[in-house]
Amino acid sequence: MQVQSMQFKARAGQKLADQRLQQNLTKLSTKFVSARAEAITAIDFHATRDALKARRNRALENLESGSKPFEREATRAA
């Protein structure tokens, strides 16, 4: 295994000077931001929040019935 941290600055400088890499990073950042903004507008946050609240409440309502078998199995194995 070779230690490459000693060459980090030199390699980073080479990559920063790479025009193709810089162009691709610029394209990526532009496309990423616009795609993320588009995806966010497609999400119905209120419906998602309501669905998650309902799921949480169902889990809390069934907590005791789910914990009994778990406790029984945990104490049986001990």
PDB file of N, CA and C in Angstrom:
ATOM      1  N   MET A   1       0.850  -1.181   0.000  1.00  0.00           N
ATOM      2  CA  MET A   1       0.000   0.000   0.000  1.00  0.00           C
ATOM      3  C   MET A   1       0.889   1.235   0.000  1.00  0.00           C
ATOM      4  N   GLN A   2       0.641   2.126  -0.927  1.00  0.00           N
ATOM      5  CA  GLN A   2       1.448   3.332  -1.033  1.00  0.00           C
ATOM      6  C   GLN A   2       0.710   4.510  -0.394  1.00  0.00           C
ATOM      7  N   VAL A   3       1.476   5.333   0.265  1.00  0.00           N
ATOM      8  CA  VAL A   3       0.918   6.546   0.840  1.00  0.00           C
ATOM      9  C   VAL A   3       0.846   7.589  -0.264  1.00  0.00           C
ATOM     10  N   GLN A   4      -0.342   8.037  -0.587  1.00  0.00           N
ATOM     11  CA  GLN A   4      -0.506   8.999  -1.674  1.00  0.00           C
ATOM     12  C   GLN A   4      -0.807  10.402  -1.168  1.00  0.00           C
ATOM     13  N   SER A   5      -0.931  10.550   0.138  1.00  0.00           N
ATOM     14  CA  SER A   5      -1.268  11.865   0.671  1.00  0.00           C
ATOM     15  C   SER A   5      -0.162  12.884   0.422  1.00  0.00           C
ATOM     16  N   MET A   6       1.051  12.412   0.269  1.00  0.00           N
ATOM     17  CA  MET A   6       2.152  13.336   0.041  1.00  0.00           C
ATOM     18  C   MET A   6       2.056  13.986  -1.335  1.00  0.00           C
ATOM     19  N   GLN A   7       1.413  13.314  -2.279  1.00  0.00           N
ATOM     20  CA  GLN A   7       1.255  13.861  -3.623  1.00  0.00           C
ATOM     21  C   GLN A   7      -0.079  14.589  -3.799  1.00  0.00           C
ATOM     22  N   PHE A   8      -0.832  14.738  -2.730  1.00  0.00           N
ATOM     23  CA  PHE A   8      -2.173  15.302  -2.845  1.00  0.00           C
ATOM     24  C   PHE A   8      -2.174  16.690  -3.480  1.00  0.00           C
ATOM     25  N   LYS A   9      -1.348  17.578  -2.992  1.00  0.00           N
ATOM     26  CA  LYS A   9      -1.335  18.950  -3.514  1.00  0.00           C
ATOM     27  C   LYS A   9      -0.988  18.990  -4.995  1.00  0.00           C
ATOM     28  N   ALA A  10      -0.017  18.199  -5.382  1.00  0.00           N
ATOM     29  CA  ALA A  10       0.386  18.176  -6.795  1.00  0.00           C
ATOM     30  C   ALA A  10      -0.737  17.614  -7.661  1.00  0.00           C
ATOM     31  N   ARG A  11      -1.357  16.532  -7.207  1.00  0.00           N
ATOM     32  CA  ARG A  11      -2.441  15.919  -7.983  1.00  0.00           C
ATOM     33  C   ARG A  11      -3.664  16.835  -8.024  1.00  0.00           C
ATOM     34  N   ALA A  12      -3.961  17.481  -6.916  1.00  0.00           N
ATOM     35  CA  ALA A  12      -5.094  18.407  -6.890  1.00  0.00           C
ATOM     36  C   ALA A  12      -4.840  19.567  -7.847  1.00  0.00           C
ATOM     37  N   GLY A  13      -3.634  20.073  -7.877  1.00  0.00           N
ATOM     38  CA  GLY A  13      -3.296  21.157  -8.798  1.00  0.00           C
ATOM     39  C   GLY A  13      -3.460  20.744 -10.247  1.00  0.00           C
ATOM     40  N   GLN A  14      -3.065  19.529 -10.559  1.00  0.00           N
ATOM     41  CA  GLN A  14      -3.227  19.019 -11.924  1.00  0.00           C
ATOM     42  C   GLN A  14      -4.719  18.943 -12.296  1.00  0.00           C
ATOM     43  N   LYS A  15      -5.517  18.437 -11.386  1.00  0.00           N
ATOM     44  CA  LYS A  15      -6.953  18.289 -11.669  1.00  0.00           C
ATOM     45  C   LYS A  15      -7.638  19.648 -11.776  1.00  0.00           C
ATOM     46  N   LEU A  16      -7.224  20.593 -10.965  1.00  0.00           N
ATOM     47  CA  LEU A  16      -7.809  21.935 -11.048  1.00  0.00           C
ATOM     48  C   LEU A  16      -7.461  22.607 -12.370  1.00  0.00           C
ATOM     49  N   ALA A  17      -6.346  22.248 -12.949  1.00  0.00           N
ATOM     50  CA  ALA A  17      -5.929  22.827 -14.227  1.00  0.00           C
ATOM     51  C   ALA A  17      -6.538  22.089 -15.425  1.00  0.00           C
ATOM     52  N   ASP A  18      -7.192  20.985 -15.187  1.00  0.00           N
ATOM     53  CA  ASP A  18      -7.784  20.173 -16.260  1.00  0.00           C
ATOM     54  C   ASP A  18      -9.063  20.854 -16.762  1.00  0.00           C
ATOM     55  N   GLN A  19      -8.992  21.430 -17.960  1.00  0.00           N
ATOM     56  CA  GLN A  19     -10.130  22.182 -18.513  1.00  0.00           C
ATOM     57  C   GLN A  19     -11.356  21.301 -18.730  1.00  0.00           C
ATOM     58  N   ARG A  20     -11.134  20.094 -19.229  1.00  0.00           N
ATOM     59  CA  ARG A  20     -12.272  19.195 -19.469  1.00  0.00           C
ATOM     60  C   ARG A  20     -12.988  18.874 -18.167  1.00  0.00           C
ATOM     61  N   LEU A  21     -12.233  18.581 -17.136  1.00  0.00           N
ATOM     62  CA  LEU A  21     -12.825  18.292 -15.834  1.00  0.00           C
ATOM     63  C   LEU A  21     -13.601  19.501 -15.313  1.00  0.00           C
ATOM     64  N   GLN A  22     -13.036  20.673 -15.446  1.00  0.00           N
ATOM     65  CA  GLN A  22     -13.705  21.883 -14.970  1.00  0.00           C
ATOM     66  C   GLN A  22     -15.008  22.129 -15.737  1.00  0.00           C
ATOM     67  N   GLN A  23     -14.999  21.905 -17.051  1.00  0.00           N
ATOM     68  CA  GLN A  23     -16.225  22.074 -17.848  1.00  0.00           C
ATOM     69  C   GLN A  23     -17.292  21.070 -17.411  1.00  0.00           C
ATOM     70  N   ASN A  24     -16.879  19.830 -17.200  1.00  0.00           N
ATOM     71  CA  ASN A  24     -17.827  18.809 -16.775  1.00  0.00           C
ATOM     72  C   ASN A  24     -18.392  19.096 -15.388  1.00  0.00           C
ATOM     73  N   LEU A  25     -17.568  19.599 -14.486  1.00  0.00           N
ATOM     74  CA  LEU A  25     -18.049  19.961 -13.149  1.00  0.00           C
ATOM     75  C   LEU A  25     -19.039  21.123 -13.216  1.00  0.00           C
ATOM     76  N   THR A  26     -18.786  22.070 -14.110  1.00  0.00           N
ATOM     77  CA  THR A  26     -19.708  23.198 -14.287  1.00  0.00           C
ATOM     78  C   THR A  26     -21.050  22.702 -14.811  1.00  0.00           C
ATOM     79  N   LYS A  27     -21.016  21.824 -15.817  1.00  0.00           N
ATOM     80  CA  LYS A  27     -22.257  21.256 -16.347  1.00  0.00           C
ATOM     81  C   LYS A  27     -23.012  20.488 -15.270  1.00  0.00           C
ATOM     82  N   LEU A  28     -22.281  19.689 -14.507  1.00  0.00           N
ATOM     83  CA  LEU A  28     -22.897  18.888 -13.458  1.00  0.00           C
ATOM     84  C   LEU A  28     -23.588  19.771 -12.431  1.00  0.00           C
ATOM     85  N   SER A  29     -22.894  20.799 -11.970  1.00  0.00           N
ATOM     86  CA  SER A  29     -23.477  21.649 -10.941  1.00  0.00           C
ATOM     87  C   SER A  29     -24.705  22.385 -11.461  1.00  0.00           C
ATOM     88  N   THR A  30     -24.677  22.813 -12.705  1.00  0.00           N
ATOM     89  CA  THR A  30     -25.825  23.505 -13.284  1.00  0.00           C
ATOM     90  C   THR A  30     -27.010  22.552 -13.435  1.00  0.00           C
ATOM     91  N   LYS A  31     -26.756  21.389 -13.988  1.00  0.00           N
ATOM     92  CA  LYS A  31     -27.829  20.414 -14.190  1.00  0.00           C
ATOM     93  C   LYS A  31     -28.370  19.910 -12.861  1.00  0.00           C
ATOM     94  N   PHE A  32     -27.502  19.711 -11.889  1.00  0.00           N
ATOM     95  CA  PHE A  32     -27.925  19.208 -10.591  1.00  0.00           C
ATOM     96  C   PHE A  32     -28.878  20.187  -9.919  1.00  0.00           C
ATOM     97  N   VAL A  33     -28.518  21.450  -9.931  1.00  0.00           N
ATOM     98  CA  VAL A  33     -29.354  22.465  -9.282  1.00  0.00           C
ATOM     99  C   VAL A  33     -30.708  22.552  -9.954  1.00  0.00           C
ATOM    100  N   SER A  34     -30.758  22.570 -11.277  1.00  0.00           N
ATOM    101  CA  SER A  34     -32.039  22.683 -11.968  1.00  0.00           C
ATOM    102  C   SER A  34     -32.872  21.410 -11.803  1.00  0.00           C
ATOM    103  N   ALA A  35     -32.244  20.237 -11.852  1.00  0.00           N
ATOM    104  CA  ALA A  35     -32.979  18.986 -11.676  1.00  0.00           C
ATOM    105  C   ALA A  35     -33.525  18.873 -10.255  1.00  0.00           C
ATOM    106  N   ARG A  36     -32.745  19.312  -9.295  1.00  0.00           N
ATOM    107  CA  ARG A  36     -33.199  19.272  -7.899  1.00  0.00           C
ATOM    108  C   ARG A  36     -34.381  20.214  -7.701  1.00  0.00           C
ATOM    109  N   ALA A  37     -34.315  21.407  -8.251  1.00  0.00           N
ATOM    110  CA  ALA A  37     -35.420  22.360  -8.131  1.00  0.00           C
ATOM    111  C   ALA A  37     -36.681  21.808  -8.784  1.00  0.00           C
ATOM    112  N   GLU A  38     -36.521  21.158  -9.921  1.00  0.00           N
ATOM    113  CA  GLU A  38     -37.675  20.563 -10.612  1.00  0.00           C
ATOM    114  C   GLU A  38     -38.273  19.424  -9.785  1.00  0.00           C
ATOM    115  N   ALA A  39     -37.435  18.606  -9.202  1.00  0.00           N
ATOM    116  CA  ALA A  39     -37.920  17.484  -8.390  1.00  0.00           C
ATOM    117  C   ALA A  39     -38.655  17.976  -7.152  1.00  0.00           C
ATOM    118  N   ILE A  40     -38.172  19.039  -6.561  1.00  0.00           N
ATOM    119  CA  ILE A  40     -38.810  19.574  -5.355  1.00  0.00           C
ATOM    120  C   ILE A  40     -40.203  20.102  -5.666  1.00  0.00           C
ATOM    121  N   THR A  41     -40.380  20.707  -6.832  1.00  0.00           N
ATOM    122  CA  THR A  41     -41.703  21.224  -7.180  1.00  0.00           C
ATOM    123  C   THR A  41     -42.701  20.098  -7.433  1.00  0.00           C
ATOM    124  N   ALA A  42     -42.198  18.894  -7.744  1.00  0.00           N
ATOM    125  CA  ALA A  42     -43.073  17.764  -8.017  1.00  0.00           C
ATOM    126  C   ALA A  42     -43.568  17.084  -6.739  1.00  0.00           C
ATOM    127  N   ILE A  43     -43.000  17.423  -5.603  1.00  0.00           N
ATOM    128  CA  ILE A  43     -43.366  16.777  -4.344  1.00  0.00           C
ATOM    129  C   ILE A  43     -44.485  17.572  -3.660  1.00  0.00           C
ATOM    130  N   ASP A  44     -45.514  16.863  -3.257  1.00  0.00           N
ATOM    131  CA  ASP A  44     -46.590  17.478  -2.484  1.00  0.00           C
ATOM    132  C   ASP A  44     -46.228  17.333  -1.001  1.00  0.00           C
ATOM    133  N   PHE A  45     -45.598  18.358  -0.465  1.00  0.00           N
ATOM    134  CA  PHE A  45     -45.085  18.273   0.896  1.00  0.00           C
ATOM    135  C   PHE A  45     -46.189  18.088   1.933  1.00  0.00           C
ATOM    136  N   HIS A  46     -47.327  18.739   1.739  1.00  0.00           N
ATOM    137  CA  HIS A  46     -48.409  18.607   2.711  1.00  0.00           C
ATOM    138  C   HIS A  46     -48.950  17.181   2.741  1.00  0.00           C
ATOM    139  N   ALA A  47     -49.148  16.584   1.574  1.00  0.00           N
ATOM    140  CA  ALA A  47     -49.642  15.204   1.524  1.00  0.00           C
ATOM    141  C   ALA A  47     -48.609  14.242   2.093  1.00  0.00           C
ATOM    142  N   THR A  48     -47.349  14.469   1.779  1.00  0.00           N
ATOM    143  CA  THR A  48     -46.289  13.607   2.298  1.00  0.00           C
ATOM    144  C   THR A  48     -46.216  13.711   3.818  1.00  0.00           C
ATOM    145  N   ARG A  49     -46.297  14.927   4.333  1.00  0.00           N
ATOM    146  CA  ARG A  49     -46.260  15.125   5.785  1.00  0.00           C
ATOM    147  C   ARG A  49     -47.442  14.441   6.447  1.00  0.00           C
ATOM    148  N   ASP A  50     -48.635  14.584   5.864  1.00  0.00           N
ATOM    149  CA  ASP A  50     -49.831  13.957   6.433  1.00  0.00           C
ATOM    150  C   ASP A  50     -49.719  12.433   6.421  1.00  0.00           C
ATOM    151  N   ALA A  51     -49.196  11.884   5.330  1.00  0.00           N
ATOM    152  CA  ALA A  51     -49.034  10.431   5.239  1.00  0.00           C
ATOM    153  C   ALA A  51     -48.033   9.929   6.282  1.00  0.00           C
ATOM    154  N   LEU A  52     -46.960  10.667   6.487  1.00  0.00           N
ATOM    155  CA  LEU A  52     -45.962  10.268   7.481  1.00  0.00           C
ATOM    156  C   LEU A  52     -46.510  10.385   8.900  1.00  0.00           C
ATOM    157  N   LYS A  53     -47.322  11.394   9.152  1.00  0.00           N
ATOM    158  CA  LYS A  53     -47.956  11.513  10.473  1.00  0.00           C
ATOM    159  C   LYS A  53     -48.871  10.331  10.731  1.00  0.00           C
ATOM    160  N   ALA A  54     -49.650   9.941   9.724  1.00  0.00           N
ATOM    161  CA  ALA A  54     -50.560   8.803   9.865  1.00  0.00           C
ATOM    162  C   ALA A  54     -49.769   7.521  10.126  1.00  0.00           C
ATOM    163  N   ARG A  55     -48.669   7.341   9.410  1.00  0.00           N
ATOM    164  CA  ARG A  55     -47.838   6.147   9.608  1.00  0.00           C
ATOM    165  C   ARG A  55     -47.256   6.125  11.015  1.00  0.00           C
ATOM    166  N   ARG A  56     -46.774   7.256  11.475  1.00  0.00           N
ATOM    167  CA  ARG A  56     -46.227   7.342  12.832  1.00  0.00           C
ATOM    168  C   ARG A  56     -47.292   7.021  13.863  1.00  0.00           C
ATOM    169  N   ASN A  57     -48.489   7.583  13.682  1.00  0.00           N
ATOM    170  CA  ASN A  57     -49.566   7.334  14.639  1.00  0.00           C
ATOM    171  C   ASN A  57     -49.975   5.867  14.665  1.00  0.00           C
ATOM    172  N   ARG A  58     -50.013   5.214  13.486  1.00  0.00           N
ATOM    173  CA  ARG A  58     -50.332   3.778  13.446  1.00  0.00           C
ATOM    174  C   ARG A  58     -49.265   2.983  14.189  1.00  0.00           C
ATOM    175  N   ALA A  59     -48.031   3.350  14.004  1.00  0.00           N
ATOM    176  CA  ALA A  59     -46.938   2.651  14.693  1.00  0.00           C
ATOM    177  C   ALA A  59     -47.063   2.829  16.205  1.00  0.00           C
ATOM    178  N   LEU A  60     -47.386   4.034  16.635  1.00  0.00           N
ATOM    179  CA  LEU A  60     -47.540   4.271  18.075  1.00  0.00           C
ATOM    180  C   LEU A  60     -48.731   3.520  18.643  1.00  0.00           C
ATOM    181  N   GLU A  61     -49.812   3.444  17.876  1.00  0.00           N
ATOM    182  CA  GLU A  61     -50.995   2.717  18.334  1.00  0.00           C
ATOM    183  C   GLU A  61     -50.719   1.220  18.468  1.00  0.00           C
ATOM    184  N   ASN A  62     -49.849   0.689  17.629  1.00  0.00           N
ATOM    185  CA  ASN A  62     -49.554  -0.747  17.637  1.00  0.00           C
ATOM    186  C   ASN A  62     -48.270  -1.088  18.380  1.00  0.00           C
ATOM    187  N   LEU A  63     -47.722  -0.127  19.064  1.00  0.00           N
ATOM    188  CA  LEU A  63     -46.448  -0.334  19.735  1.00  0.00           C
ATOM    189  C   LEU A  63     -46.526  -1.441  20.782  1.00  0.00           C
ATOM    190  N   GLU A  64     -47.550  -1.416  21.583  1.00  0.00           N
ATOM    191  CA  GLU A  64     -47.653  -2.408  22.647  1.00  0.00           C
ATOM    192  C   GLU A  64     -47.862  -3.811  22.096  1.00  0.00           C
ATOM    193  N   SER A  65     -48.727  -3.949  21.098  1.00  0.00           N
ATOM    194  CA  SER A  65     -48.968  -5.278  20.541  1.00  0.00           C
ATOM    195  C   SER A  65     -47.720  -5.822  19.846  1.00  0.00           C
ATOM    196  N   GLY A  66     -46.886  -4.951  19.319  1.00  0.00           N
ATOM    197  CA  GLY A  66     -45.647  -5.390  18.693  1.00  0.00           C
ATOM    198  C   GLY A  66     -44.544  -5.661  19.694  1.00  0.00           C
ATOM    199  N   SER A  67     -44.599  -4.984  20.831  1.00  0.00           N
ATOM    200  CA  SER A  67     -43.522  -5.150  21.802  1.00  0.00           C
ATOM    201  C   SER A  67     -43.695  -6.420  22.641  1.00  0.00           C
ATOM    202  N   LYS A  68     -44.920  -6.898  22.797  1.00  0.00           N
ATOM    203  CA  LYS A  68     -45.147  -8.116  23.595  1.00  0.00           C
ATOM    204  C   LYS A  68     -44.442  -9.332  22.985  1.00  0.00           C
ATOM    205  N   PRO A  69     -44.653  -9.624  21.695  1.00  0.00           N
ATOM    206  CA  PRO A  69     -43.922 -10.767  21.122  1.00  0.00           C
ATOM    207  C   PRO A  69     -42.403 -10.576  21.168  1.00  0.00           C
ATOM    208  N   PHE A  70     -41.958  -9.354  20.969  1.00  0.00           N
ATOM    209  CA  PHE A  70     -40.518  -9.089  21.037  1.00  0.00           C
ATOM    210  C   PHE A  70     -39.987  -9.390  22.423  1.00  0.00           C
ATOM    211  N   GLU A  71     -40.690  -8.907  23.445  1.00  0.00           N
ATOM    212  CA  GLU A  71     -40.253  -9.142  24.822  1.00  0.00           C
ATOM    213  C   GLU A  71     -40.277 -10.619  25.145  1.00  0.00           C
ATOM    214  N   ARG A  72     -41.303 -11.330  24.702  1.00  0.00           N
ATOM    215  CA  ARG A  72     -41.424 -12.752  24.965  1.00  0.00           C
ATOM    216  C   ARG A  72     -40.248 -13.502  24.346  1.00  0.00           C
ATOM    217  N   GLU A  73     -39.922 -13.197  23.091  1.00  0.00           N
ATOM    218  CA  GLU A  73     -38.812 -13.871  22.413  1.00  0.00           C
ATOM    219  C   GLU A  73     -37.456 -13.503  23.030  1.00  0.00           C
ATOM    220  N   ALA A  74     -37.320 -12.240  23.434  1.00  0.00           N
ATOM    221  CA  ALA A  74     -36.051 -11.799  24.024  1.00  0.00           C
ATOM    222  C   ALA A  74     -35.809 -12.481  25.374  1.00  0.00           C
ATOM    223  N   THR A  75     -36.841 -12.624  26.173  1.00  0.00           N
ATOM    224  CA  THR A  75     -36.648 -13.253  27.483  1.00  0.00           C
ATOM    225  C   THR A  75     -36.527 -14.765  27.358  1.00  0.00           C
ATOM    226  N   ARG A  76     -37.140 -15.341  26.327  1.00  0.00           N
ATOM    227  CA  ARG A  76     -37.043 -16.782  26.106  1.00  0.00           C
ATOM    228  C   ARG A  76     -35.621 -17.158  25.716  1.00  0.00           C
ATOM    229  N   ALA A  77     -34.983 -16.326  24.947  1.00  0.00           N
ATOM    230  CA  ALA A  77     -33.636 -16.621  24.465  1.00  0.00           C
ATOM    231  C   ALA A  77     -32.593 -16.437  25.565  1.00  0.00           C
ATOM    232  N   ALA A  78     -32.912 -15.678  26.588  1.00  0.00           N
ATOM    233  CA  ALA A  78     -31.924 -15.380  27.634  1.00  0.00           C
ATOM    234  C   ALA A  78     -31.759 -16.480  28.600  1.00  0.00           C
TER     235      ALA A  78
END
